[in-house]
Structure formats: structure tokens, C-alpha cells
Amino acid sequence: MNAAQLRWFHQLDPEMTAATITTAQQQYLDAFAALYEAADALNAGDPMSYARSREIHLACLLGHTVADSYSGADAYEEDGTPVEYKSTIGSSISATYNGISVQPTWEDQEAYLIDHKIGAYPRHYYARYEGAQVAEVWVMDSDTVLSLLLPKAQRQYATKRNGKAKDPRIGVTLSASEIRQHGRRLV
């Protein structure tokens, strides 16, 4: 434990000494600090924001450059192509697109999804994690993703648009069978 950490702990508990910190706690503290240092060096922002740590991890594994913004593309392929990442810690691969803003008409909604949201990223990568390890990674092109998600979004649109839903935003999911049938497994 460094002096700054020890001073901080003393504010919480004056009896705290370096000897009272377990090895596992110290490993976690060091790893936590190291994640922030590495994210800073990658210009990746806060690694603990939502699933940002998995986006950074996946970008490193795939040889992509992590995006320096929290909105828009999650990362960029070697040639600069923007891509979308979805990850899960579930027992089966799946991908959820949550928080999709509802537009005034279905035609506007469809154009938004095609031009600014889902279709804006030519490839979508889906990862399933088991702890710190990637268990599987799949990739699917945006045209296929759109063909699967647009009908689901359209079914939700009227309810979301008329304000009768608890959450007014659209949320759609690709199932394991859809990812396996239409995607290409990388890992």
C-alpha cells in the first residue's frame, strides 16, 4: 500500500495499517489503479463506465483502437472502420441494444436506426465473458443486424411512442440462436 492509500484509509479507520490490508485487497487496489493508468495511455476514458472495461479489453484482443468517446462507435478496426461491441456475462451469448431514442414517426425511427444507430457501424462484435476471459466472440454485418432488429423495434414502436411504456426507449435483443445462425465465430 502506498502512502496516499494509507492516508485515505486512515480517514475511514484510524486503526488501519498496511498490515490490515489483505493480499487480495492490495492486488485489487493495484489492478484498479493500473486499469485507469492503461485507459489513460490508450485515451479510452473511464474504464469503469458501464461496460467500458470490456470494450477496451475486446479492442485490445481484436487489434482495434478503442474510441475516445462514450457515444458513437465503440472502437475502430485497423482501417478506421467504426464498429459496435456488445458483451454479456450470461451463460449464453446474446446482445441487447437498449436505450434507443424514439423518433416522431416509424419512418423517422427506421432512418435513425439505419443511418445513425445500428447501420452506422458496418460490423457488430458480440462477446461472452466468463470472468476475465472471453469465452466466445462473434461478428455480424450491420445489414444482417438490421434485418433481425428492425422488425423487433417496429413491434415496440407504437407502445413506446404513445408513452404507455414504463421506459419510453426502445430495447431489442439478438438471441443466441440468431447470433449463431447469422454471425461468424471468431473465438
Protein backbone atom coordinates (compact mmCIF):
# COMPACT_ATOMS: atom_id res chain seq x y z
CA MET A 1 0.00 0.00 0.00
CA ASN A 2 1.39 3.39 -0.89
CA ALA A 3 1.37 6.37 1.47
CA ALA A 4 -1.56 8.09 -0.25
CA GLN A 5 -3.73 4.98 0.03
CA LEU A 6 -2.79 4.56 3.67
CA ARG A 7 -3.72 8.21 4.45
CA TRP A 8 -7.06 7.71 2.72
CA PHE A 9 -7.75 4.54 4.71
CA HIS A 10 -6.78 6.33 7.94
CA GLN A 11 -9.57 8.83 7.26
CA LEU A 12 -12.02 5.91 7.29
CA ASP A 13 -10.44 3.96 10.10
CA PRO A 14 -7.63 5.43 12.26
CA GLU A 15 -6.65 1.89 13.25
CA MET A 16 -5.98 0.91 9.64
CA THR A 17 -2.39 -0.05 8.89
CA ALA A 18 -0.71 -1.57 5.87
CA ALA A 19 -0.69 -4.88 7.76
CA THR A 20 -4.52 -4.97 7.93
CA ILE A 21 -4.93 -4.93 4.15
CA THR A 22 -5.10 -8.45 2.74
CA THR A 23 -3.03 -9.52 -0.23
CA ALA A 24 -6.17 -9.86 -2.34
CA GLN A 25 -7.31 -6.35 -1.38
CA GLN A 26 -3.92 -4.93 -2.30
CA GLN A 27 -3.95 -6.78 -5.64
CA TYR A 28 -7.36 -5.30 -6.38
CA LEU A 29 -6.27 -1.79 -5.43
CA ASP A 30 -3.18 -2.08 -7.62
CA ALA A 31 -5.13 -3.55 -10.55
CA PHE A 32 -7.80 -0.85 -10.23
CA ALA A 33 -5.16 1.88 -10.39
CA ALA A 34 -3.40 0.11 -13.26
CA LEU A 35 -6.64 -0.05 -15.28
CA TYR A 36 -7.02 3.71 -15.04
CA GLU A 37 -3.38 4.27 -15.97
CA ALA A 38 -3.68 1.98 -19.00
CA ALA A 39 -7.00 3.53 -20.07
CA ASP A 40 -5.40 6.96 -19.83
CA ALA A 41 -2.48 5.81 -22.01
CA LEU A 42 -5.00 4.44 -24.55
CA ASN A 43 -7.03 7.67 -24.39
CA ALA A 44 -10.02 5.43 -23.60
CA GLY A 45 -11.67 7.41 -20.79
CA ASP A 46 -13.08 5.89 -17.62
CA PRO A 47 -12.61 2.10 -17.78
CA MET A 48 -15.33 1.56 -15.16
CA SER A 49 -18.08 3.43 -17.00
CA TYR A 50 -20.82 0.93 -17.86
CA ALA A 51 -19.18 -1.88 -19.91
CA ARG A 52 -16.27 0.32 -20.97
CA SER A 53 -13.68 -2.02 -19.45
CA ARG A 54 -14.92 -4.86 -21.66
CA GLU A 55 -14.89 -2.58 -24.72
CA ILE A 56 -11.27 -1.68 -24.01
CA HIS A 57 -10.41 -5.35 -23.37
CA LEU A 58 -12.11 -6.53 -26.55
CA ALA A 59 -10.50 -3.78 -28.66
CA CYS A 60 -7.07 -4.83 -27.39
CA LEU A 61 -7.78 -8.51 -28.14
CA LEU A 62 -9.11 -7.81 -31.64
CA GLY A 63 -6.39 -5.34 -32.58
CA HIS A 64 -8.86 -2.46 -32.76
CA THR A 65 -8.44 1.09 -31.49
CA VAL A 66 -10.84 1.90 -28.68
CA ALA A 67 -12.97 5.00 -29.29
CA ASP A 68 -12.08 8.06 -27.23
CA SER A 69 -15.75 8.97 -26.79
CA TYR A 70 -18.62 7.28 -24.98
CA SER A 71 -21.08 7.98 -27.78
CA GLY A 72 -20.84 6.67 -31.31
CA ALA A 73 -18.55 3.82 -32.27
CA ASP A 74 -17.13 1.63 -29.51
CA ALA A 75 -13.90 1.05 -31.43
CA TYR A 76 -12.29 1.23 -34.87
CA GLU A 77 -10.84 -1.56 -36.94
CA GLU A 78 -7.29 -1.21 -38.29
CA ASP A 79 -8.55 0.56 -41.43
CA GLY A 80 -10.57 3.06 -39.37
CA THR A 81 -13.96 1.38 -39.83
CA PRO A 82 -16.20 2.16 -36.82
CA VAL A 83 -17.62 -0.89 -35.04
CA GLU A 84 -20.13 -1.70 -32.32
CA TYR A 85 -19.42 -4.04 -29.39
CA LYS A 86 -21.92 -5.92 -27.26
CA SER A 87 -20.87 -8.14 -24.39
CA THR A 88 -22.54 -10.37 -21.86
CA ILE A 89 -21.56 -12.33 -18.77
CA GLY A 90 -24.56 -14.61 -19.21
CA SER A 91 -24.27 -18.36 -19.72
CA SER A 92 -25.28 -17.94 -23.37
CA ILE A 93 -24.29 -15.35 -25.97
CA SER A 94 -26.84 -12.61 -26.62
CA ALA A 95 -26.79 -8.91 -27.45
CA THR A 96 -29.10 -6.17 -26.22
CA TYR A 97 -29.46 -2.76 -27.81
CA ASN A 98 -31.00 -0.65 -25.04
CA GLY A 99 -31.91 2.98 -24.70
CA ILE A 100 -32.77 3.64 -28.33
CA SER A 101 -34.39 7.06 -28.61
CA VAL A 102 -37.92 7.07 -30.02
CA GLN A 103 -38.45 9.25 -33.10
CA PRO A 104 -41.68 11.06 -34.15
CA THR A 105 -42.72 8.56 -36.86
CA TRP A 106 -41.83 4.97 -37.71
CA GLU A 107 -40.21 6.20 -40.94
CA ASP A 108 -38.01 8.57 -38.89
CA GLN A 109 -37.28 5.74 -36.44
CA GLU A 110 -36.22 3.37 -39.19
CA ALA A 111 -33.98 6.03 -40.78
CA TYR A 112 -32.43 6.79 -37.38
CA LEU A 113 -31.66 3.11 -36.76
CA ILE A 114 -30.22 2.63 -40.26
CA ASP A 115 -28.25 5.86 -40.60
CA HIS A 116 -27.26 6.83 -37.06
CA LYS A 117 -27.53 3.90 -34.70
CA ILE A 118 -27.22 0.28 -35.83
CA GLY A 119 -26.42 0.76 -39.52
CA ALA A 120 -23.74 3.37 -38.80
CA TYR A 121 -21.34 0.58 -37.79
CA PRO A 122 -20.62 -1.90 -40.61
CA ARG A 123 -19.69 -4.69 -38.20
CA HIS A 124 -21.06 -5.60 -34.78
CA TYR A 125 -18.98 -7.77 -32.45
CA TYR A 126 -20.61 -9.91 -29.76
CA ALA A 127 -18.57 -11.27 -26.86
CA ARG A 128 -19.45 -13.54 -23.97
CA TYR A 129 -17.21 -13.34 -20.94
CA GLU A 130 -16.56 -15.89 -18.22
CA GLY A 131 -14.86 -13.79 -15.57
CA ALA A 132 -11.90 -12.02 -17.14
CA GLN A 133 -11.76 -14.47 -20.06
CA VAL A 134 -13.53 -14.18 -23.38
CA ALA A 135 -15.46 -17.40 -23.94
CA GLU A 136 -16.64 -16.55 -27.45
CA VAL A 137 -16.67 -13.68 -29.94
CA TRP A 138 -18.93 -13.39 -32.97
CA VAL A 139 -19.15 -10.76 -35.71
CA MET A 140 -22.13 -9.83 -37.87
CA ASP A 141 -22.55 -7.21 -40.61
CA SER A 142 -24.92 -4.31 -39.96
CA ASP A 143 -27.32 -5.25 -42.79
CA THR A 144 -27.93 -8.61 -41.13
CA VAL A 145 -28.24 -6.99 -37.68
CA LEU A 146 -30.79 -4.54 -39.08
CA SER A 147 -32.78 -7.32 -40.77
CA LEU A 148 -33.11 -9.03 -37.39
CA LEU A 149 -33.67 -5.98 -35.17
CA LEU A 150 -35.87 -3.67 -37.26
CA PRO A 151 -38.97 -5.92 -37.00
CA LYS A 152 -38.46 -6.16 -33.22
CA ALA A 153 -38.08 -2.39 -32.92
CA GLN A 154 -41.16 -1.83 -35.05
CA ARG A 155 -43.25 -4.08 -32.77
CA GLN A 156 -42.26 -1.90 -29.79
CA TYR A 157 -42.54 1.44 -31.55
CA ALA A 158 -46.26 2.20 -31.08
CA THR A 159 -46.22 1.39 -27.36
CA LYS A 160 -43.08 3.41 -26.77
CA ARG A 161 -44.26 6.33 -28.94
CA ASN A 162 -47.63 6.72 -27.23
CA GLY A 163 -45.98 7.00 -23.81
CA LYS A 164 -47.64 3.94 -22.26
CA ALA A 165 -44.37 2.16 -21.52
CA LYS A 166 -42.53 2.49 -18.22
CA ASP A 167 -39.28 3.11 -20.15
CA PRO A 168 -40.02 5.21 -23.24
CA ARG A 169 -36.93 3.99 -25.11
CA ILE A 170 -36.75 1.01 -27.44
CA GLY A 171 -34.71 -2.03 -26.42
CA VAL A 172 -34.17 -5.03 -28.67
CA THR A 173 -32.15 -8.22 -28.28
CA LEU A 174 -30.40 -10.67 -30.56
CA SER A 175 -30.75 -14.20 -29.23
CA ALA A 176 -28.03 -16.82 -29.09
CA SER A 177 -29.63 -18.70 -31.97
CA GLU A 178 -29.76 -15.55 -34.13
CA ILE A 179 -26.11 -14.75 -33.44
CA ARG A 180 -25.03 -18.33 -34.11
CA GLN A 181 -27.11 -18.65 -37.27
CA HIS A 182 -26.22 -15.30 -38.85
CA GLY A 183 -22.86 -14.40 -37.32
CA ARG A 184 -19.34 -15.65 -37.83
CA ARG A 185 -17.50 -17.01 -34.82
CA LEU A 186 -14.03 -15.58 -34.24
CA VAL A 187 -13.26 -17.17 -30.84
